[in-house]
Amino acid sequence: RQATALNHSATHLLHAALRQILGDHVTQKGSLVDRERLRFDFSHPEALSDQQLTQVANLVNQQIRDNSSVESQLTDMASAQKSGAMALFGEKYGSDVRVLTMGADRFSVELCGGTHVRRTGDIGLIIITAESGIASGVRRIEAVTGEQALSFIADADHRAKKAANLLKTNPCLLYTSPSPRDLS
C-alpha cells in the first residue's frame, strides 16, 4: 500500500508541474497507480520536448525534496472550490469532499479520496520513464518513484558500466542527462 501511495501522491505533484510548465489547459484525463509505477494521462496538443520533460521532473523532485507535509481536509464542495481545489471533470462528488494540499506554497490542491504519503519527501524521487501520445490531444507520462526509481537508477548504472567495459572506456564518460525517451 505504501508504494502505491508514493505513486498516487506523485501524480498530484506531476499534474501541478505539468500545468505550471505547459499551461492551465493541462487537465487529467486518466491515471493508473500501483506499487510498481504510475501512469498519468493529460490534455496537451503535442509531444513534450526533452527540455519540458526535464523541467517537469525537476519541478516535481524539488517539491519532493522540500519535504512539505501533505494536508487533508474534509469540507463541502463550495468551500473546496473557493479554496482553489481542482476537481476532475465529470467525476461525481458527494456533499462532503476531501481536499488534498501538498507541496511548498500549496503547489497542488485537488479533491482526492485516495491513499497518500504524509510528507512529499516520503516519495523519495520521481523518474519519468516515458512520454507518448495516446489519442488526439491526450499525452501519457509513465514514471517510477521510491524503491522502483532507485532500482531503475541501479539498472541504468549497471548497463552503463557494462557498455563502458565493452567499449573499454570510463563509465563516467557515458553519463549524460538522458531524456525519458532515451531511458526506454
Protein backbone atom coordinates (compact mmCIF):
# COMPACT_ATOMS: atom_id res chain seq x y z
CA ARG A 1 0.00 0.00 0.00
CA GLN A 2 2.87 2.41 0.78
CA ALA A 3 4.43 2.02 -2.69
CA THR A 4 1.03 2.79 -4.24
CA ALA A 5 0.70 5.86 -2.00
CA LEU A 6 4.07 7.14 -3.28
CA ASN A 7 2.93 6.83 -6.88
CA HIS A 8 -0.50 8.29 -6.18
CA SER A 9 0.91 11.34 -4.38
CA ALA A 10 3.46 11.79 -7.18
CA THR A 11 0.63 12.02 -9.74
CA HIS A 12 -0.73 15.06 -7.90
CA LEU A 13 2.67 16.77 -7.99
CA LEU A 14 3.12 15.74 -11.63
CA HIS A 15 -0.25 17.26 -12.57
CA ALA A 16 0.63 20.56 -10.88
CA ALA A 17 4.09 20.62 -12.50
CA LEU A 18 2.64 19.96 -15.97
CA ARG A 19 0.19 22.84 -15.51
CA GLN A 20 2.99 25.14 -14.38
CA ILE A 21 5.34 24.21 -17.24
CA LEU A 22 2.82 23.72 -20.08
CA GLY A 23 -0.14 25.89 -19.04
CA ASP A 24 -3.56 25.80 -17.42
CA HIS A 25 -5.07 23.89 -20.35
CA VAL A 26 -3.49 20.71 -18.92
CA THR A 27 -6.10 18.57 -17.19
CA GLN A 28 -6.00 14.98 -16.04
CA LYS A 29 -7.60 12.54 -18.46
CA GLY A 30 -6.80 9.35 -16.59
CA SER A 31 -4.23 7.69 -14.39
CA LEU A 32 -3.05 4.36 -13.12
CA VAL A 33 -1.15 3.94 -9.89
CA ASP A 34 0.08 0.69 -8.46
CA ARG A 35 3.07 -0.43 -6.41
CA GLU A 36 5.38 -0.62 -9.45
CA ARG A 37 4.75 2.62 -11.36
CA LEU A 38 2.45 5.45 -12.25
CA ARG A 39 0.82 6.42 -15.50
CA PHE A 40 -0.70 9.87 -15.96
CA ASP A 41 -2.80 10.88 -18.98
CA PHE A 42 -3.39 14.58 -19.62
CA SER A 43 -4.63 17.02 -22.21
CA HIS A 44 -1.93 18.64 -24.35
CA PRO A 45 -1.84 19.08 -28.13
CA GLU A 46 1.76 17.98 -28.81
CA ALA A 47 4.67 15.88 -27.59
CA LEU A 48 6.71 17.35 -24.78
CA SER A 49 10.25 18.35 -25.66
CA ASP A 50 13.17 16.84 -23.78
CA GLN A 51 13.62 20.23 -22.10
CA GLN A 52 9.99 20.31 -20.95
CA LEU A 53 10.21 16.75 -19.59
CA THR A 54 13.35 17.67 -17.68
CA GLN A 55 11.69 20.81 -16.30
CA VAL A 56 8.64 18.81 -15.16
CA ALA A 57 10.77 16.12 -13.47
CA ASN A 58 12.99 18.75 -11.82
CA LEU A 59 9.98 20.66 -10.52
CA VAL A 60 8.36 17.54 -9.05
CA ASN A 61 11.65 16.45 -7.49
CA GLN A 62 12.10 19.91 -5.98
CA GLN A 63 8.68 19.57 -4.34
CA ILE A 64 9.71 16.13 -3.08
CA ARG A 65 12.99 17.47 -1.66
CA ASP A 66 11.10 20.31 0.08
CA ASN A 67 9.51 17.54 2.19
CA SER A 68 6.31 19.52 2.84
CA SER A 69 3.54 17.97 4.88
CA VAL A 70 0.55 16.64 2.98
CA GLU A 71 -2.65 18.10 4.38
CA SER A 72 -6.10 16.60 4.05
CA GLN A 73 -9.29 18.46 4.91
CA LEU A 74 -12.90 17.32 4.74
CA THR A 75 -15.19 20.13 3.59
CA ASP A 76 -18.21 20.89 1.41
CA MET A 77 -17.85 21.30 -2.36
CA ALA A 78 -18.47 25.07 -2.38
CA SER A 79 -15.71 25.67 0.19
CA ALA A 80 -13.37 23.34 -1.68
CA GLN A 81 -13.89 25.21 -4.94
CA LYS A 82 -13.48 28.55 -3.17
CA SER A 83 -10.12 27.33 -1.80
CA GLY A 84 -8.96 26.69 -5.38
CA ALA A 85 -9.10 22.89 -5.27
CA MET A 86 -9.13 21.23 -8.68
CA ALA A 87 -11.84 18.68 -9.33
CA LEU A 88 -11.81 16.12 -12.13
CA PHE A 89 -14.31 17.00 -14.81
CA GLY A 90 -17.15 14.51 -14.95
CA GLU A 91 -16.44 12.97 -11.54
CA LYS A 92 -19.32 12.62 -9.10
CA TYR A 93 -18.66 14.09 -5.67
CA GLY A 94 -20.75 13.83 -2.53
CA SER A 95 -21.80 16.68 -0.26
CA ASP A 96 -18.52 16.38 1.65
CA VAL A 97 -15.23 16.22 -0.25
CA ARG A 98 -11.62 15.70 0.74
CA VAL A 99 -9.20 18.47 -0.26
CA LEU A 100 -5.60 17.31 -0.55
CA THR A 101 -2.92 20.01 -0.35
CA MET A 102 0.72 19.18 -0.97
CA GLY A 103 3.96 20.89 -1.79
CA ALA A 104 5.51 24.21 -0.93
CA ASP A 105 3.12 27.18 -1.16
CA ARG A 106 0.11 24.94 -1.90
CA PHE A 107 1.77 23.59 -5.05
CA SER A 108 -1.04 21.07 -5.59
CA VAL A 109 -4.59 21.45 -4.28
CA GLU A 110 -7.04 18.81 -5.55
CA LEU A 111 -10.06 16.84 -4.50
CA CYS A 112 -9.00 13.27 -3.78
CA GLY A 113 -10.06 10.41 -1.56
CA GLY A 114 -7.10 8.13 -2.27
CA THR A 115 -4.16 6.96 -0.20
CA HIS A 116 -1.24 9.38 0.16
CA VAL A 117 2.09 9.99 1.83
CA ARG A 118 2.40 12.09 4.99
CA ARG A 119 5.17 14.29 3.57
CA THR A 120 6.25 14.90 -0.03
CA GLY A 121 9.76 13.69 0.86
CA ASP A 122 8.32 10.22 1.51
CA ILE A 123 8.08 9.84 -2.29
CA GLY A 124 11.90 9.80 -2.49
CA LEU A 125 12.21 10.83 -6.12
CA ILE A 126 10.43 10.52 -9.43
CA ILE A 127 11.94 9.37 -12.70
CA ILE A 128 9.93 9.90 -15.86
CA THR A 129 10.48 6.79 -17.97
CA ALA A 130 8.27 7.51 -20.98
CA GLU A 131 6.10 10.15 -22.65
CA SER A 132 3.78 9.36 -25.54
CA GLY A 133 0.57 10.27 -27.30
CA ILE A 134 -2.43 8.01 -26.71
CA ALA A 135 -5.18 9.93 -28.52
CA SER A 136 -5.65 13.22 -30.29
CA GLY A 137 -4.77 15.91 -27.77
CA VAL A 138 -4.01 13.40 -24.98
CA ARG A 139 -0.49 12.62 -23.78
CA ARG A 140 0.76 9.98 -21.33
CA ILE A 141 3.64 10.12 -18.89
CA GLU A 142 4.92 6.98 -17.19
CA ALA A 143 7.19 7.20 -14.17
CA VAL A 144 8.60 5.39 -11.15
CA THR A 145 9.11 6.58 -7.59
CA GLY A 146 10.70 5.39 -4.36
CA GLU A 147 12.36 1.96 -4.42
CA GLN A 148 11.37 1.43 -8.05
CA ALA A 149 13.19 4.66 -9.01
CA LEU A 150 16.28 3.54 -7.11
CA SER A 151 16.14 0.16 -8.87
CA PHE A 152 15.79 1.97 -12.20
CA ILE A 153 18.94 4.01 -11.44
CA ALA A 154 20.88 0.94 -10.32
CA ASP A 155 19.90 -0.91 -13.51
CA ALA A 156 20.89 2.07 -15.70
CA ASP A 157 24.22 2.29 -13.85
CA HIS A 158 24.83 -1.44 -14.37
CA ARG A 159 24.08 -1.13 -18.10
CA ALA A 160 26.38 1.92 -18.42
CA LYS A 161 29.24 0.06 -16.71
CA LYS A 162 28.70 -2.97 -18.92
CA ALA A 163 28.68 -0.80 -22.07
CA ALA A 164 31.80 1.07 -20.89
CA ASN A 165 33.56 -2.24 -20.32
CA LEU A 166 32.71 -3.39 -23.86
CA LEU A 167 33.92 -0.05 -25.25
CA LYS A 168 36.99 -0.11 -22.99
CA THR A 169 36.26 3.33 -21.62
CA ASN A 170 35.45 5.00 -18.33
CA PRO A 171 31.74 4.59 -17.43
CA CYS A 172 31.63 8.19 -16.19
CA LEU A 173 32.18 9.35 -19.77
CA LEU A 174 28.96 7.60 -20.81
CA TYR A 175 26.80 9.52 -18.35
CA THR A 176 24.88 12.46 -19.70
CA SER A 177 21.49 13.80 -18.81
CA PRO A 178 19.26 11.34 -20.67
CA SER A 179 15.81 12.29 -21.74
CA PRO A 180 12.98 9.95 -20.77
CA ARG A 181 12.84 8.83 -24.39
CA ASP A 182 16.44 7.58 -24.03
CA LEU A 183 15.55 5.53 -20.96
CA SER A 184 13.00 3.19 -22.50
